[in-house]
C-alpha atoms as a PDB file:
ATOM      1  CA  UNK A   1      -7.571  18.056  17.437  1.00  0.00           C
ATOM      2  CA  UNK A   2      -8.382  16.345  14.111  1.00  0.00           C
ATOM      3  CA  UNK A   3     -10.128  18.198  11.312  1.00  0.00           C
ATOM      4  CA  UNK A   4     -13.755  18.785  12.423  1.00  0.00           C
ATOM      5  CA  UNK A   5     -14.895  18.225   8.833  1.00  0.00           C
ATOM      6  CA  UNK A   6     -13.388  14.736   8.609  1.00  0.00           C
ATOM      7  CA  UNK A   7     -16.726  12.978   8.007  1.00  0.00           C
ATOM      8  CA  UNK A   8     -17.515  15.352   5.126  1.00  0.00           C
ATOM      9  CA  UNK A   9     -14.105  14.735   3.558  1.00  0.00           C
ATOM     10  CA  UNK A  10     -14.486  10.948   3.850  1.00  0.00           C
ATOM     11  CA  UNK A  11     -17.943  11.081   2.224  1.00  0.00           C
ATOM     12  CA  UNK A  12     -16.632  13.260  -0.597  1.00  0.00           C
ATOM     13  CA  UNK A  13     -13.764  10.819  -1.208  1.00  0.00           C
ATOM     14  CA  UNK A  14     -16.329   8.017  -1.422  1.00  0.00           C
ATOM     15  CA  UNK A  15     -18.248  10.007  -4.037  1.00  0.00           C
ATOM     16  CA  UNK A  16     -15.168  10.923  -6.048  1.00  0.00           C
ATOM     17  CA  UNK A  17     -13.530   7.498  -6.072  1.00  0.00           C
ATOM     18  CA  UNK A  18     -16.062   4.660  -5.924  1.00  0.00           C
ATOM     19  CA  UNK A  19     -13.620   2.274  -7.639  1.00  0.00           C
ATOM     20  CA  UNK A  20     -11.225   1.007  -4.973  1.00  0.00           C
ATOM     21  CA  UNK A  21      -9.736  -2.069  -6.597  1.00  0.00           C
ATOM     22  CA  UNK A  22      -6.037  -2.748  -6.186  1.00  0.00           C
ATOM     23  CA  UNK A  23      -4.000  -1.313  -9.062  1.00  0.00           C
ATOM     24  CA  UNK A  24      -1.310  -3.988  -8.835  1.00  0.00           C
ATOM     25  CA  UNK A  25      -1.772  -6.931 -11.213  1.00  0.00           C
ATOM     26  CA  UNK A  26      -1.661 -10.417  -9.715  1.00  0.00           C
ATOM     27  CA  UNK A  27      -3.324 -13.832  -9.935  1.00  0.00           C
ATOM     28  CA  UNK A  28      -2.578 -15.402  -6.560  1.00  0.00           C
ATOM     29  CA  UNK A  29      -2.141 -14.146  -2.979  1.00  0.00           C
ATOM     30  CA  UNK A  30       1.559 -14.949  -3.243  1.00  0.00           C
ATOM     31  CA  UNK A  31       1.897 -12.843  -6.375  1.00  0.00           C
ATOM     32  CA  UNK A  32       0.119  -9.952  -4.664  1.00  0.00           C
ATOM     33  CA  UNK A  33       2.562 -10.159  -1.753  1.00  0.00           C
ATOM     34  CA  UNK A  34       5.484 -10.036  -4.189  1.00  0.00           C
ATOM     35  CA  UNK A  35       3.959  -7.104  -6.077  1.00  0.00           C
ATOM     36  CA  UNK A  36       3.452  -5.106  -2.877  1.00  0.00           C
ATOM     37  CA  UNK A  37       7.050  -5.771  -1.825  1.00  0.00           C
ATOM     38  CA  UNK A  38       8.187  -4.508  -5.230  1.00  0.00           C
ATOM     39  CA  UNK A  39       6.010  -1.396  -4.954  1.00  0.00           C
ATOM     40  CA  UNK A  40       8.099   0.173  -2.185  1.00  0.00           C
ATOM     41  CA  UNK A  41       9.459   3.489  -3.552  1.00  0.00           C
ATOM     42  CA  UNK A  42       8.186   2.476  -6.993  1.00  0.00           C
ATOM     43  CA  UNK A  43       5.092   3.218  -9.068  1.00  0.00           C
ATOM     44  CA  UNK A  44       2.366   0.636  -9.584  1.00  0.00           C
ATOM     45  CA  UNK A  45       2.856   1.091 -13.325  1.00  0.00           C
ATOM     46  CA  UNK A  46       6.491   0.021 -13.140  1.00  0.00           C
ATOM     47  CA  UNK A  47       5.649  -2.930 -10.882  1.00  0.00           C
ATOM     48  CA  UNK A  48       2.984  -4.069 -13.351  1.00  0.00           C
ATOM     49  CA  UNK A  49       5.622  -4.076 -16.097  1.00  0.00           C
ATOM     50  CA  UNK A  50       8.219  -5.989 -14.091  1.00  0.00           C
ATOM     51  CA  UNK A  51       6.075  -8.415 -12.083  1.00  0.00           C
ATOM     52  CA  UNK A  52       4.805 -10.550 -15.016  1.00  0.00           C
ATOM     53  CA  UNK A  53       8.369 -11.580 -15.848  1.00  0.00           C
ATOM     54  CA  UNK A  54       9.058 -12.395 -12.198  1.00  0.00           C
ATOM     55  CA  UNK A  55       5.869 -14.478 -11.993  1.00  0.00           C
ATOM     56  CA  UNK A  56       6.665 -16.228 -15.271  1.00  0.00           C
ATOM     57  CA  UNK A  57      10.003 -17.437 -13.923  1.00  0.00           C
ATOM     58  CA  UNK A  58       8.952 -17.836 -10.263  1.00  0.00           C
ATOM     59  CA  UNK A  59       5.150 -18.329 -10.184  1.00  0.00           C
ATOM     60  CA  UNK A  60       4.967 -19.955  -6.731  1.00  0.00           C
ATOM     61  CA  UNK A  61       6.701 -19.678  -3.357  1.00  0.00           C
ATOM     62  CA  UNK A  62       8.206 -23.113  -3.989  1.00  0.00           C
ATOM     63  CA  UNK A  63       9.931 -21.828  -7.149  1.00  0.00           C
ATOM     64  CA  UNK A  64      11.047 -18.519  -5.654  1.00  0.00           C
ATOM     65  CA  UNK A  65      12.310 -20.049  -2.405  1.00  0.00           C
ATOM     66  CA  UNK A  66      15.112 -21.889  -4.228  1.00  0.00           C
ATOM     67  CA  UNK A  67      15.993 -19.069  -6.633  1.00  0.00           C
ATOM     68  CA  UNK A  68      19.419 -17.481  -6.859  1.00  0.00           C
ATOM     69  CA  UNK A  69      19.388 -13.934  -5.527  1.00  0.00           C
ATOM     70  CA  UNK A  70      21.192 -12.663  -8.642  1.00  0.00           C
ATOM     71  CA  UNK A  71      18.455 -14.063 -10.881  1.00  0.00           C
ATOM     72  CA  UNK A  72      15.789 -12.236  -8.893  1.00  0.00           C
ATOM     73  CA  UNK A  73      17.789  -9.002  -8.916  1.00  0.00           C
ATOM     74  CA  UNK A  74      18.210  -9.125 -12.685  1.00  0.00           C
ATOM     75  CA  UNK A  75      14.440  -9.245 -13.212  1.00  0.00           C
ATOM     76  CA  UNK A  76      13.430  -6.587 -10.678  1.00  0.00           C
ATOM     77  CA  UNK A  77      16.334  -4.139 -11.066  1.00  0.00           C
ATOM     78  CA  UNK A  78      14.236  -1.356 -12.634  1.00  0.00           C
ATOM     79  CA  UNK A  79      11.961  -1.143  -9.562  1.00  0.00           C
ATOM     80  CA  UNK A  80      14.784   0.361  -7.502  1.00  0.00           C
ATOM     81  CA  UNK A  81      16.347  -0.833  -4.235  1.00  0.00           C
ATOM     82  CA  UNK A  82      16.537  -4.196  -5.958  1.00  0.00           C
ATOM     83  CA  UNK A  83      19.182  -5.746  -3.677  1.00  0.00           C
ATOM     84  CA  UNK A  84      16.954  -5.386  -0.626  1.00  0.00           C
ATOM     85  CA  UNK A  85      13.767  -6.261  -2.520  1.00  0.00           C
ATOM     86  CA  UNK A  86      15.308  -9.435  -3.916  1.00  0.00           C
ATOM     87  CA  UNK A  87      16.388 -10.431  -0.411  1.00  0.00           C
ATOM     88  CA  UNK A  88      12.874  -9.783   0.898  1.00  0.00           C
ATOM     89  CA  UNK A  89      11.203 -11.680  -1.953  1.00  0.00           C
ATOM     90  CA  UNK A  90      13.410 -14.709  -1.345  1.00  0.00           C
ATOM     91  CA  UNK A  91      12.876 -14.498   2.404  1.00  0.00           C
ATOM     92  CA  UNK A  92       9.119 -14.097   1.992  1.00  0.00           C
ATOM     93  CA  UNK A  93       8.857 -17.216  -0.151  1.00  0.00           C
ATOM     94  CA  UNK A  94      10.949 -19.232   2.287  1.00  0.00           C
ATOM     95  CA  UNK A  95       8.973 -17.948   5.288  1.00  0.00           C
ATOM     96  CA  UNK A  96       5.626 -18.757   3.679  1.00  0.00           C
ATOM     97  CA  UNK A  97       6.788 -22.325   3.161  1.00  0.00           C
ATOM     98  CA  UNK A  98       8.565 -22.713   6.484  1.00  0.00           C
ATOM     99  CA  UNK A  99       6.044 -20.984   8.737  1.00  0.00           C
ATOM    100  CA  UNK A 100       2.714 -21.344   6.956  1.00  0.00           C
ATOM    101  CA  UNK A 101       3.074 -24.283   4.526  1.00  0.00           C
ATOM    102  CA  UNK A 102       2.823 -21.928   1.567  1.00  0.00           C
ATOM    103  CA  UNK A 103      -0.530 -20.441   2.604  1.00  0.00           C
ATOM    104  CA  UNK A 104      -1.036 -16.731   3.143  1.00  0.00           C
ATOM    105  CA  UNK A 105      -1.712 -16.089   6.863  1.00  0.00           C
ATOM    106  CA  UNK A 106      -4.776 -14.172   8.024  1.00  0.00           C
ATOM    107  CA  UNK A 107      -3.510 -11.881  10.794  1.00  0.00           C
ATOM    108  CA  UNK A 108      -1.244  -8.849  11.017  1.00  0.00           C
ATOM    109  CA  UNK A 109       0.897 -10.637  13.586  1.00  0.00           C
ATOM    110  CA  UNK A 110       1.521 -13.611  11.297  1.00  0.00           C
ATOM    111  CA  UNK A 111       2.011 -11.474   8.203  1.00  0.00           C
ATOM    112  CA  UNK A 112       4.659  -9.311   9.822  1.00  0.00           C
ATOM    113  CA  UNK A 113       6.702 -12.399  10.682  1.00  0.00           C
ATOM    114  CA  UNK A 114       7.477 -12.572   6.946  1.00  0.00           C
ATOM    115  CA  UNK A 115      10.714 -10.788   5.897  1.00  0.00           C
ATOM    116  CA  UNK A 116      10.066  -7.436   4.239  1.00  0.00           C
ATOM    117  CA  UNK A 117       6.458  -7.284   5.419  1.00  0.00           C
ATOM    118  CA  UNK A 118       5.418  -4.385   7.625  1.00  0.00           C
ATOM    119  CA  UNK A 119       1.947  -3.174   8.515  1.00  0.00           C
ATOM    120  CA  UNK A 120       1.481  -1.450   5.147  1.00  0.00           C
ATOM    121  CA  UNK A 121       2.122  -4.605   3.126  1.00  0.00           C
ATOM    122  CA  UNK A 122       0.159  -6.757   5.568  1.00  0.00           C
ATOM    123  CA  UNK A 123      -2.869  -4.426   5.411  1.00  0.00           C
ATOM    124  CA  UNK A 124      -2.877  -4.488   1.608  1.00  0.00           C
ATOM    125  CA  UNK A 125      -2.640  -8.268   1.370  1.00  0.00           C
ATOM    126  CA  UNK A 126      -5.141  -9.035   4.134  1.00  0.00           C
ATOM    127  CA  UNK A 127      -7.628  -6.565   2.678  1.00  0.00           C
ATOM    128  CA  UNK A 128      -7.301  -7.715  -0.908  1.00  0.00           C
ATOM    129  CA  UNK A 129      -7.085 -11.464  -0.293  1.00  0.00           C
ATOM    130  CA  UNK A 130      -9.417 -11.953   2.654  1.00  0.00           C
ATOM    131  CA  UNK A 131     -11.352  -8.692   3.004  1.00  0.00           C
ATOM    132  CA  UNK A 132      -9.901  -8.370   6.509  1.00  0.00           C
ATOM    133  CA  UNK A 133      -9.642  -4.897   8.048  1.00  0.00           C
ATOM    134  CA  UNK A 134      -6.968  -4.880  10.719  1.00  0.00           C
ATOM    135  CA  UNK A 135      -5.698  -1.416   9.910  1.00  0.00           C
ATOM    136  CA  UNK A 136      -5.255   1.291   7.273  1.00  0.00           C
ATOM    137  CA  UNK A 137      -2.548   1.157   4.612  1.00  0.00           C
ATOM    138  CA  UNK A 138      -0.208   4.155   4.830  1.00  0.00           C
ATOM    139  CA  UNK A 139       1.998   4.991   1.851  1.00  0.00           C
ATOM    140  CA  UNK A 140       3.573   8.272   0.720  1.00  0.00           C
ATOM    141  CA  UNK A 141       0.281   9.620  -0.704  1.00  0.00           C
ATOM    142  CA  UNK A 142      -1.637   8.773   2.473  1.00  0.00           C
ATOM    143  CA  UNK A 143       1.121  10.341   4.568  1.00  0.00           C
ATOM    144  CA  UNK A 144       1.072  13.567   2.566  1.00  0.00           C
ATOM    145  CA  UNK A 145      -2.701  13.972   2.370  1.00  0.00           C
ATOM    146  CA  UNK A 146      -3.290  12.997   5.997  1.00  0.00           C
ATOM    147  CA  UNK A 147      -0.964  15.790   7.077  1.00  0.00           C
ATOM    148  CA  UNK A 148      -2.420  18.324   4.669  1.00  0.00           C
ATOM    149  CA  UNK A 149      -5.995  17.517   5.693  1.00  0.00           C
ATOM    150  CA  UNK A 150      -5.170  17.947   9.375  1.00  0.00           C
ATOM    151  CA  UNK A 151      -5.627  14.331  10.395  1.00  0.00           C
ATOM    152  CA  UNK A 152      -2.114  13.852  11.755  1.00  0.00           C
ATOM    153  CA  UNK A 153       1.110  15.700  12.444  1.00  0.00           C
ATOM    154  CA  UNK A 154       3.267  12.602  12.126  1.00  0.00           C
ATOM    155  CA  UNK A 155       5.482  11.264   9.353  1.00  0.00           C
ATOM    156  CA  UNK A 156       5.865   7.811  10.885  1.00  0.00           C
ATOM    157  CA  UNK A 157       3.509   5.377   9.133  1.00  0.00           C
ATOM    158  CA  UNK A 158       2.499   3.494  12.277  1.00  0.00           C
ATOM    159  CA  UNK A 159       1.606   6.703  14.134  1.00  0.00           C
ATOM    160  CA  UNK A 160      -0.312   8.013  11.113  1.00  0.00           C
ATOM    161  CA  UNK A 161      -2.248   4.749  10.905  1.00  0.00           C
ATOM    162  CA  UNK A 162      -3.204   5.011  14.573  1.00  0.00           C
ATOM    163  CA  UNK A 163      -4.440   8.583  14.057  1.00  0.00           C
ATOM    164  CA  UNK A 164      -6.483   7.611  10.992  1.00  0.00           C
ATOM    165  CA  UNK A 165      -8.058   4.602  12.708  1.00  0.00           C
ATOM    166  CA  UNK A 166      -9.566   6.993  15.247  1.00  0.00           C
ATOM    167  CA  UNK A 167     -11.155   9.094  12.490  1.00  0.00           C
ATOM    168  CA  UNK A 168     -12.108   6.721   9.673  1.00  0.00           C
ATOM    169  CA  UNK A 169     -15.042   4.320  10.300  1.00  0.00           C
ATOM    170  CA  UNK A 170     -13.837   0.720  10.371  1.00  0.00           C
ATOM    171  CA  UNK A 171     -16.144  -0.295   7.523  1.00  0.00           C
ATOM    172  CA  UNK A 172     -14.215   2.183   5.351  1.00  0.00           C
ATOM    173  CA  UNK A 173     -10.709   0.988   6.269  1.00  0.00           C
ATOM    174  CA  UNK A 174     -10.396  -1.375   3.296  1.00  0.00           C
ATOM    175  CA  UNK A 175     -11.233   1.346   0.778  1.00  0.00           C
ATOM    176  CA  UNK A 176      -9.962   4.533   2.405  1.00  0.00           C
ATOM    177  CA  UNK A 177      -6.320   4.309   1.327  1.00  0.00           C
ATOM    178  CA  UNK A 178      -7.262   3.559  -2.286  1.00  0.00           C
ATOM    179  CA  UNK A 179      -9.444   6.664  -2.367  1.00  0.00           C
ATOM    180  CA  UNK A 180      -6.789   8.876  -0.774  1.00  0.00           C
ATOM    181  CA  UNK A 181      -4.086   7.519  -3.099  1.00  0.00           C
ATOM    182  CA  UNK A 182      -6.216   8.264  -6.166  1.00  0.00           C
ATOM    183  CA  UNK A 183      -6.813  11.807  -4.927  1.00  0.00           C
ATOM    184  CA  UNK A 184      -3.104  12.245  -4.309  1.00  0.00           C
ATOM    185  CA  UNK A 185      -2.281  11.147  -7.837  1.00  0.00           C
ATOM    186  CA  UNK A 186      -4.983  13.122  -9.611  1.00  0.00           C
ATOM    187  CA  UNK A 187      -5.358  16.303  -7.543  1.00  0.00           C
ATOM    188  CA  UNK A 188      -3.254  16.693  -4.395  1.00  0.00           C
ATOM    189  CA  UNK A 189       0.175  16.463  -5.996  1.00  0.00           C
ATOM    190  CA  UNK A 190       3.264  16.599  -3.792  1.00  0.00           C
ATOM    191  CA  UNK A 191       4.671  19.714  -5.455  1.00  0.00           C
ATOM    192  CA  UNK A 192       1.717  21.477  -7.068  1.00  0.00           C
ATOM    193  CA  UNK A 193      -1.624  20.456  -5.552  1.00  0.00           C
ATOM    194  CA  UNK A 194      -4.586  21.587  -7.656  1.00  0.00           C
ATOM    195  CA  UNK A 195      -6.373  23.339  -4.803  1.00  0.00           C
ATOM    196  CA  UNK A 196      -8.354  25.517  -7.210  1.00  0.00           C
ATOM    197  CA  UNK A 197     -10.238  22.496  -8.555  1.00  0.00           C
ATOM    198  CA  UNK A 198     -10.186  20.326  -5.420  1.00  0.00           C
ATOM    199  CA  UNK A 199     -13.630  19.708  -3.948  1.00  0.00           C
ATOM    200  CA  UNK A 200     -12.002  19.011  -0.571  1.00  0.00           C
ATOM    201  CA  UNK A 201     -10.384  22.457  -0.454  1.00  0.00           C
ATOM    202  CA  UNK A 202     -13.209  24.079   1.535  1.00  0.00           C
ATOM    203  CA  UNK A 203     -12.460  21.669   4.393  1.00  0.00           C
ATOM    204  CA  UNK A 204      -8.684  21.526   4.021  1.00  0.00           C
ATOM    205  CA  UNK A 205      -6.632  23.621   6.494  1.00  0.00           C
ATOM    206  CA  UNK A 206      -3.762  23.794   4.010  1.00  0.00           C
ATOM    207  CA  UNK A 207      -5.648  24.662   0.819  1.00  0.00           C
ATOM    208  CA  UNK A 208      -3.859  27.198  -1.417  1.00  0.00           C
ATOM    209  CA  UNK A 209      -0.773  27.252   0.805  1.00  0.00           C
ATOM    210  CA  UNK A 210       1.553  25.582  -1.714  1.00  0.00           C
END
């Protein structure tokens, strides 16, 4: 059974974090897609340092689609897992051109046809670019906090998303992950959560257990 205080927690997150803009820097939908691919197992801060150089050299899918994989790897190396990310970036650019004539698609099904794009990346891009809510973005912060707050017992992102979609009102889906991520960064740390100052603690089944 999910946390009976879920609605109170969601309202408190809305109060605490009214600013839910994307923290990745980009100018076009294509650049956002690239930035989200780079953000896997990497901080937004690092991506925002690396991405401008990538976009300077390869500003469009047309430019990136014909790039040499080694040239991409050289630019993005500091984001980690750069071999796989470079492969996904190249594949994403080629897929956008081949499948969608360079235009960002508008459905989860179409988005996940792009190499390196799962539901997390698709949810971010669809929400930011089109304001479309087809699901809830689940990253490491959302995974951790969702478990701590008693919303799920899963570690699999797809299963966590399904649990959260039953609890979080659909009109909040676009903003919910941003709020939870901010709380995870500022208060509910992975190793030392600040339960003593957390305003969610009175509703959290795992408060003061770490």
